[in-house]
Protein backbone atom coordinates (compact mmCIF):
# COMPACT_ATOMS: atom_id res chain seq x y z
CA MET A 1 -0.19 -0.45 0.18
CA ARG A 2 1.08 3.66 -0.92
CA ILE A 3 0.50 5.34 2.25
CA VAL A 4 0.89 9.57 2.26
CA ILE A 5 0.76 11.12 5.76
CA ALA A 6 0.76 14.70 6.75
CA GLY A 7 3.34 15.83 8.87
CA GLY A 8 5.62 13.35 7.81
CA HIS A 9 8.57 14.82 10.26
CA GLY A 10 6.44 14.27 13.52
CA GLN A 11 7.68 12.06 16.07
CA ILE A 12 3.85 9.56 15.51
CA ALA A 13 4.35 10.21 11.32
CA LEU A 14 8.51 9.40 11.26
CA ARG A 15 7.62 5.90 14.16
CA LEU A 16 4.37 5.76 11.78
CA GLU A 17 6.58 5.45 8.87
CA ARG A 18 9.50 3.16 10.24
CA LEU A 19 6.27 0.41 10.73
CA LEU A 20 4.81 0.80 7.15
CA SER A 21 8.32 0.22 5.63
CA ALA A 22 8.93 -2.71 7.92
CA ALA A 23 5.84 -4.38 7.10
CA GLY A 24 6.29 -3.92 2.51
CA HIS A 25 4.35 -0.61 2.68
CA THR A 26 5.42 2.03 0.14
CA PRO A 27 5.31 5.11 3.82
CA VAL A 28 4.97 8.87 1.94
CA GLY A 29 5.76 11.84 3.69
CA ILE A 30 4.97 15.29 3.94
CA ILE A 31 7.32 17.66 4.51
CA ARG A 32 7.63 21.62 4.82
CA ASN A 33 11.50 21.37 5.44
CA PRO A 34 13.31 20.17 2.39
CA ASP A 35 16.58 19.25 5.42
CA HIS A 36 14.24 16.68 7.00
CA ALA A 37 14.42 14.31 3.48
CA ALA A 38 17.12 11.99 5.15
CA ASP A 39 15.23 11.73 8.25
CA LEU A 40 12.11 9.86 6.34
CA ARG A 41 14.20 8.44 4.07
CA ASP A 42 15.92 6.86 6.89
CA ALA A 43 12.51 6.22 7.85
CA GLY A 44 12.35 4.08 5.28
CA ALA A 45 9.73 6.93 3.60
CA GLU A 46 9.81 8.92 0.20
CA PRO A 47 9.89 12.41 1.21
CA VAL A 48 7.67 15.13 -0.75
CA VAL A 49 8.03 18.69 0.50
CA LEU A 50 4.78 20.58 0.55
CA ASP A 51 3.57 23.46 2.61
CA LEU A 52 -0.01 22.18 3.10
CA GLU A 53 -0.01 25.98 5.17
CA SER A 54 0.33 27.42 1.30
CA ALA A 55 -0.38 24.79 -1.07
CA SER A 56 -3.14 24.83 -3.44
CA LEU A 57 -5.99 22.01 -3.35
CA ALA A 58 -4.30 21.03 -6.79
CA GLU A 59 -0.84 20.51 -5.70
CA THR A 60 -1.89 18.69 -2.31
CA ALA A 61 -4.00 16.16 -4.91
CA LYS A 62 -1.62 15.84 -6.49
CA VAL A 63 0.70 14.52 -4.03
CA LEU A 64 -2.17 12.10 -2.92
CA GLU A 65 -2.87 10.02 -7.02
CA GLY A 66 -2.27 7.08 -6.93
CA ALA A 67 -2.48 6.43 -2.61
CA ASP A 68 -4.52 4.02 -1.13
CA ALA A 69 -4.70 5.68 2.08
CA ALA A 70 -3.90 8.45 4.03
CA VAL A 71 -3.52 10.07 7.07
CA PHE A 72 -3.42 13.64 8.40
CA ALA A 73 -0.19 13.60 11.44
CA ALA A 74 0.81 17.19 11.21
CA GLY A 75 0.50 20.24 13.86
CA ALA A 76 1.13 23.38 15.30
CA GLY A 77 3.16 22.42 17.56
CA PRO A 78 3.02 23.48 21.63
CA GLY A 79 5.75 26.52 20.85
CA SER A 80 3.14 27.86 18.16
CA GLY A 81 0.45 30.60 18.39
CA THR A 82 -3.45 30.80 17.67
CA ALA A 83 -3.26 32.10 14.05
CA ARG A 84 -1.29 28.63 13.25
CA LYS A 85 -3.83 26.25 15.16
CA ASP A 86 -6.14 27.49 13.02
CA THR A 87 -4.25 27.17 9.56
CA VAL A 88 -2.55 24.33 10.18
CA ASP A 89 -4.66 21.74 13.10
CA ARG A 90 -7.88 22.88 11.35
CA GLY A 91 -6.75 24.48 7.70
CA ALA A 92 -4.28 22.09 6.55
CA ALA A 93 -6.42 19.75 8.12
CA VAL A 94 -9.33 20.11 5.77
CA LEU A 95 -7.18 21.01 2.76
CA PHE A 96 -5.74 17.26 3.21
CA ALA A 97 -8.97 16.09 3.48
CA ASP A 98 -10.55 18.13 0.27
CA ALA A 99 -7.52 16.89 -1.40
CA ALA A 100 -7.40 13.19 -0.84
CA GLU A 101 -11.29 12.91 -1.93
CA GLN A 102 -10.35 15.01 -5.16
CA ALA A 103 -7.95 12.46 -5.82
CA GLY A 104 -10.20 9.65 -4.87
CA VAL A 105 -8.78 8.32 -2.38
CA ARG A 106 -10.67 7.14 -0.13
CA ARG A 107 -9.48 5.93 3.19
CA TYR A 108 -8.08 8.97 5.57
CA ILE A 109 -6.88 8.72 9.07
CA ILE A 110 -6.70 12.22 11.15
CA VAL A 111 -5.13 12.26 13.92
CA SER A 112 -7.44 14.59 16.69
CA SER A 113 -7.31 15.45 19.89
CA MET A 114 -9.21 14.37 23.07
CA GLY A 115 -11.34 16.85 23.99
CA ALA A 116 -11.62 18.72 20.45
CA ASP A 117 -14.99 20.25 20.01
CA PRO A 118 -15.51 23.24 17.57
CA GLY A 119 -17.83 24.87 20.61
CA HIS A 120 -14.86 24.64 22.92
CA ARG A 121 -14.80 27.86 25.01
CA GLY A 122 -12.32 29.59 26.23
CA ASP A 123 -9.54 31.92 25.26
CA GLU A 124 -6.32 30.39 25.66
CA VAL A 125 -3.90 29.07 23.33
CA PHE A 126 -5.30 25.53 23.99
CA ASP A 127 -8.50 25.90 23.54
CA VAL A 128 -8.14 27.87 20.06
CA TYR A 129 -6.53 24.45 19.52
CA LEU A 130 -9.17 22.21 20.47
CA ARG A 131 -11.13 24.03 19.11
CA ALA A 132 -9.37 23.72 15.64
CA LYS A 133 -9.06 20.58 16.03
CA GLY A 134 -12.78 20.00 16.48
CA GLU A 135 -13.16 21.65 13.16
CA ALA A 136 -10.94 19.89 11.31
CA ASP A 137 -12.48 16.61 12.10
CA ASP A 138 -16.25 17.74 11.33
CA HIS A 139 -14.88 18.72 8.12
CA VAL A 140 -13.46 15.46 8.24
CA ARG A 141 -16.42 13.56 8.69
CA ALA A 142 -18.92 15.34 6.53
CA ARG A 143 -17.17 13.87 3.15
CA ASP A 144 -18.83 11.87 1.70
CA GLY A 145 -15.65 10.53 -0.69
CA LEU A 146 -13.79 9.39 2.56
CA ASP A 147 -14.32 6.09 4.35
CA TRP A 148 -12.97 8.10 7.25
CA THR A 149 -11.57 7.81 11.25
CA VAL A 150 -10.88 9.94 13.15
CA LEU A 151 -8.11 8.80 16.48
CA ARG A 152 -8.14 10.96 19.49
CA PRO A 153 -5.10 9.61 21.58
CA GLY A 154 -4.83 10.90 25.01
CA GLN A 155 -1.93 12.72 26.78
CA LEU A 156 1.21 11.33 24.55
CA THR A 157 4.49 10.73 25.71
CA ASP A 158 7.55 9.25 24.52
CA ASP A 159 7.30 5.92 27.17
CA ALA A 160 8.91 2.82 24.85
CA GLY A 161 5.60 1.20 23.21
CA LYS A 162 4.19 -1.68 25.20
CA GLY A 163 1.46 -2.85 22.35
CA LEU A 164 -1.08 -2.53 24.84
CA VAL A 165 -4.21 -0.07 24.17
CA HIS A 166 -7.96 1.00 25.42
CA LEU A 167 -9.61 2.01 22.20
CA ALA A 168 -13.32 2.89 22.26
CA ALA A 169 -15.66 5.89 21.52
CA SER A 170 -15.21 7.13 24.96
CA THR A 171 -12.12 6.30 27.02
CA GLY A 172 -11.78 8.67 29.38
CA ARG A 173 -8.96 10.18 30.01
CA GLY A 174 -5.08 8.88 29.99
CA PRO A 175 -1.14 8.72 28.78
CA VAL A 176 -0.54 6.52 25.54
CA PRO A 177 3.17 6.26 23.61
CA ARG A 178 3.66 7.52 20.73
CA ASP A 179 4.83 3.99 19.97
CA ASP A 180 1.66 2.39 20.20
CA VAL A 181 -0.22 5.61 18.58
CA ALA A 182 1.72 4.47 15.17
CA ALA A 183 1.37 0.88 15.60
CA VAL A 184 -2.82 1.90 15.93
CA LEU A 185 -2.46 4.08 12.98
CA ALA A 186 -0.68 1.20 11.14
CA GLU A 187 -3.15 -1.04 11.95
CA LEU A 188 -6.14 1.45 10.88
CA ALA A 189 -4.30 2.60 7.61
CA GLU A 190 -4.65 -0.80 6.37
CA SER A 191 -8.78 -1.59 6.84
CA THR A 192 -11.76 0.00 6.31
CA ALA A 193 -13.53 -1.86 8.99
CA THR A 194 -13.12 1.38 11.40
CA ALA A 195 -15.04 3.79 8.69
CA GLY A 196 -16.96 6.05 10.29
CA LEU A 197 -15.76 5.89 13.56
CA THR A 198 -14.37 8.47 15.74
CA LEU A 199 -12.01 7.02 18.40
CA GLU A 200 -10.38 7.53 21.70
CA LEU A 201 -7.35 5.94 22.35
CA ILE A 202 -5.05 5.53 25.71
CA SER A 203 -2.74 3.01 27.08
CA GLY A 204 -4.89 -0.68 28.41
CA ASP A 205 -4.28 -4.35 28.42
CA VAL A 206 -5.79 -5.23 25.03
CA PRO A 207 -3.35 -5.59 22.30
CA VAL A 208 -3.19 -3.41 19.03
CA SER A 209 -4.33 -5.89 16.84
CA VAL A 210 -6.78 -6.87 18.47
CA ALA A 211 -8.13 -3.90 19.62
CA VAL A 212 -8.52 -2.41 16.37
CA ARG A 213 -10.62 -6.00 15.43
CA ASP A 214 -12.22 -5.86 18.12
CA VAL A 215 -13.48 -2.24 17.85
CA ALA A 216 -14.14 -2.19 13.94
CA GLY A 217 -16.70 -5.40 15.25
CA ASN A 218 -19.30 -3.44 17.78
């Protein structure tokens, strides 16, 4: 499978690219900074330089042509201000979804955030972030041309992944290693069984493959 990942140099994305490459897939990572290309190649991914904050729909769709799945794992980052929460966490996610639909890429996974809600109140940067992620999620879920899954991880950590998670429509809050988020994304990308689901993810006691299979059957 050819799987295009927005935010290809992110911490989750690099982990995902390694997993996909090891499984025999062809990950393609979209990056803004060409200096990051070597890191993607080391992870087994094909780098594509494209700034999703300024790219056109046509330019983005061209990158997605021929892909089997698309994963939006980009983010403005914790040090960014409110403007980039809108241009990246909302705007780039909307663009990437529209481009996937235009390119005929049905399988679409967006990495969101627990608590994302377009109606979230507050004026702090994190409040703006949660609204932006919620608006992006709503946009994706309204796309008839996508077999979408929204994944909302809990508190991200750099702990070594154990491959044991709790994946459900509602999990309650909790931490989850980025390793395990990447492992879940790899499973989700290979199947449309979770299409149409918004899922929360935290650490748990169920192996990743079993957790994905179980939630798809519910």
